[in-house]
Structure formats: C-alpha cells, structure tokens
Amino acid sequence: MGCARLRRPQATRRQLLDCLRVKHGMAEVRKRPLSSAALANLRDEHTRSIAPMHTLAAEALRLEHDLSDLVNAAHHLTPAEIALLWQTAPPRMPIDALRR
C-alpha cells in the first residue's frame, strides 16, 4: 500500500511528505540522484496519490465558486456590489478573488 490512502481532502501536505519519506527512504535530502527503480516508484506514487488530490482540490474550488455565485444571485447582488464584497473581504477568504 502506498500513500494513496491520503486521498482524503483533509490529508495535509505534511502527512503526505511523511508517507513519502517513510516509503521511499527520503528522510534526508539526497545528495545523489534517485535510481531508475526509485524514480519509477515515485512516479507511480504520484499517479496514485498526488494526481487524484489535485483533481479533488480543483473540484472543491470549482464548487466553492459555484456556491459563491449562487449566494450572490440569491441576494440579487449587482456586479458593483460583488466587487465591493471582494474589495473588502477579510485577508483569509476561503476562495481567492483573483482566481475567479
């Protein structure tokens, strides 16, 4: 079993890196290149673990934007009002206005 069990969206970057360190023996920074087998193993792990996480994160972001648009529409906000909301949004807004 690889790091694929970490596909849950709540898995943190630290958990994934810990898994890769343990599974692939990468506790210290490598001073020599990876072997062909180790590189192939890491590519396989990427396909199993990282790629699905990116897909899930992109889907979550799309759904957050859709929900934001639905809330704005439900409140009959004008484009000017929506722009004002984004201009005055708190610094840690869950979705980034620049990525809209």
Protein backbone atom coordinates (compact mmCIF):
# COMPACT_ATOMS: atom_id res chain seq x y z
CA MET A 1 0.00 0.00 0.00
CA GLY A 2 1.29 3.42 -0.91
CA CYS A 3 0.35 6.89 0.14
CA ALA A 4 -2.93 6.58 -1.77
CA ARG A 5 -4.84 6.27 1.50
CA LEU A 6 -4.18 10.00 1.89
CA ARG A 7 -6.53 10.86 -0.96
CA ARG A 8 -8.97 12.33 1.52
CA PRO A 9 -9.13 16.11 1.01
CA GLN A 10 -8.34 16.73 4.69
CA ALA A 11 -4.95 14.98 4.39
CA THR A 12 -2.25 17.52 4.94
CA ARG A 13 0.87 18.15 2.92
CA ARG A 14 2.92 17.15 5.96
CA GLN A 15 1.19 13.75 6.18
CA LEU A 16 1.88 13.11 2.52
CA LEU A 17 5.52 14.12 2.81
CA ASP A 18 5.91 11.90 5.90
CA CYS A 19 4.45 8.99 3.97
CA LEU A 20 6.83 9.56 1.07
CA ARG A 21 9.81 9.82 3.42
CA VAL A 22 8.97 6.52 5.10
CA LYS A 23 8.01 4.61 1.97
CA HIS A 24 10.82 5.90 -0.21
CA GLY A 25 13.55 6.40 2.41
CA MET A 26 13.86 10.09 1.78
CA ALA A 27 14.35 11.28 5.36
CA GLU A 28 17.38 13.38 4.45
CA VAL A 29 18.00 15.48 1.39
CA ARG A 30 19.53 13.23 -1.23
CA LYS A 31 22.97 14.14 -2.50
CA ARG A 32 22.86 11.61 -5.31
CA PRO A 33 20.20 11.07 -7.97
CA LEU A 34 17.46 8.52 -7.47
CA SER A 35 17.84 5.14 -9.10
CA SER A 36 15.65 4.32 -12.09
CA ALA A 37 13.55 1.97 -9.95
CA ALA A 38 13.09 4.58 -7.21
CA LEU A 39 12.16 7.22 -9.77
CA ALA A 40 9.62 4.88 -11.38
CA ASN A 41 8.21 4.09 -7.92
CA LEU A 42 7.81 7.80 -7.15
CA ARG A 43 6.09 8.40 -10.50
CA ASP A 44 3.68 5.56 -9.76
CA GLU A 45 3.04 7.02 -6.31
CA HIS A 46 2.35 10.41 -7.88
CA THR A 47 -0.20 8.83 -10.22
CA ARG A 48 -1.90 7.04 -7.29
CA SER A 49 -1.78 9.83 -4.69
CA ILE A 50 -0.93 13.32 -5.89
CA ALA A 51 -2.84 13.45 -9.18
CA PRO A 52 -6.17 12.45 -7.53
CA MET A 53 -5.57 15.05 -4.79
CA HIS A 54 -5.12 17.76 -7.40
CA THR A 55 -8.33 16.67 -9.12
CA LEU A 56 -10.24 16.77 -5.83
CA ALA A 57 -8.81 20.18 -4.90
CA ALA A 58 -9.77 21.61 -8.31
CA GLU A 59 -13.29 20.21 -7.97
CA ALA A 60 -13.62 21.65 -4.44
CA LEU A 61 -12.51 25.08 -5.69
CA ARG A 62 -14.99 24.93 -8.58
CA LEU A 63 -17.80 24.02 -6.17
CA GLU A 64 -16.84 26.87 -3.82
CA HIS A 65 -17.02 29.31 -6.71
CA ASP A 66 -20.38 27.89 -7.83
CA LEU A 67 -21.74 28.22 -4.29
CA SER A 68 -20.45 31.78 -4.02
CA ASP A 69 -22.16 32.66 -7.30
CA LEU A 70 -25.42 31.06 -6.13
CA VAL A 71 -25.38 33.02 -2.86
CA ASN A 72 -24.69 36.27 -4.73
CA ALA A 73 -27.56 35.52 -7.12
CA ALA A 74 -29.92 34.63 -4.26
CA HIS A 75 -29.23 38.02 -2.71
CA HIS A 76 -29.69 39.76 -6.08
CA LEU A 77 -26.29 41.43 -5.83
CA THR A 78 -25.17 43.66 -8.67
CA PRO A 79 -21.69 43.31 -10.18
CA ALA A 80 -20.69 46.51 -8.34
CA GLU A 81 -21.86 45.06 -5.01
CA ILE A 82 -19.98 41.81 -5.67
CA ALA A 83 -16.84 43.80 -6.49
CA LEU A 84 -17.24 45.73 -3.24
CA LEU A 85 -17.57 42.46 -1.30
CA TRP A 86 -14.30 41.19 -2.78
CA GLN A 87 -12.52 44.51 -2.19
CA THR A 88 -13.46 44.42 1.49
CA ALA A 89 -13.09 40.65 2.00
CA PRO A 90 -11.03 39.51 5.00
CA PRO A 91 -7.41 38.54 4.30
CA ARG A 92 -8.09 34.83 4.80
CA MET A 93 -11.04 34.50 2.48
CA PRO A 94 -11.67 30.79 1.73
CA ILE A 95 -11.63 31.38 -2.01
CA ASP A 96 -9.32 33.75 -3.78
CA ALA A 97 -10.94 36.58 -5.72
CA LEU A 98 -8.00 36.67 -8.13
CA ARG A 99 -8.66 33.09 -9.23
CA ARG A 100 -12.23 33.84 -10.28
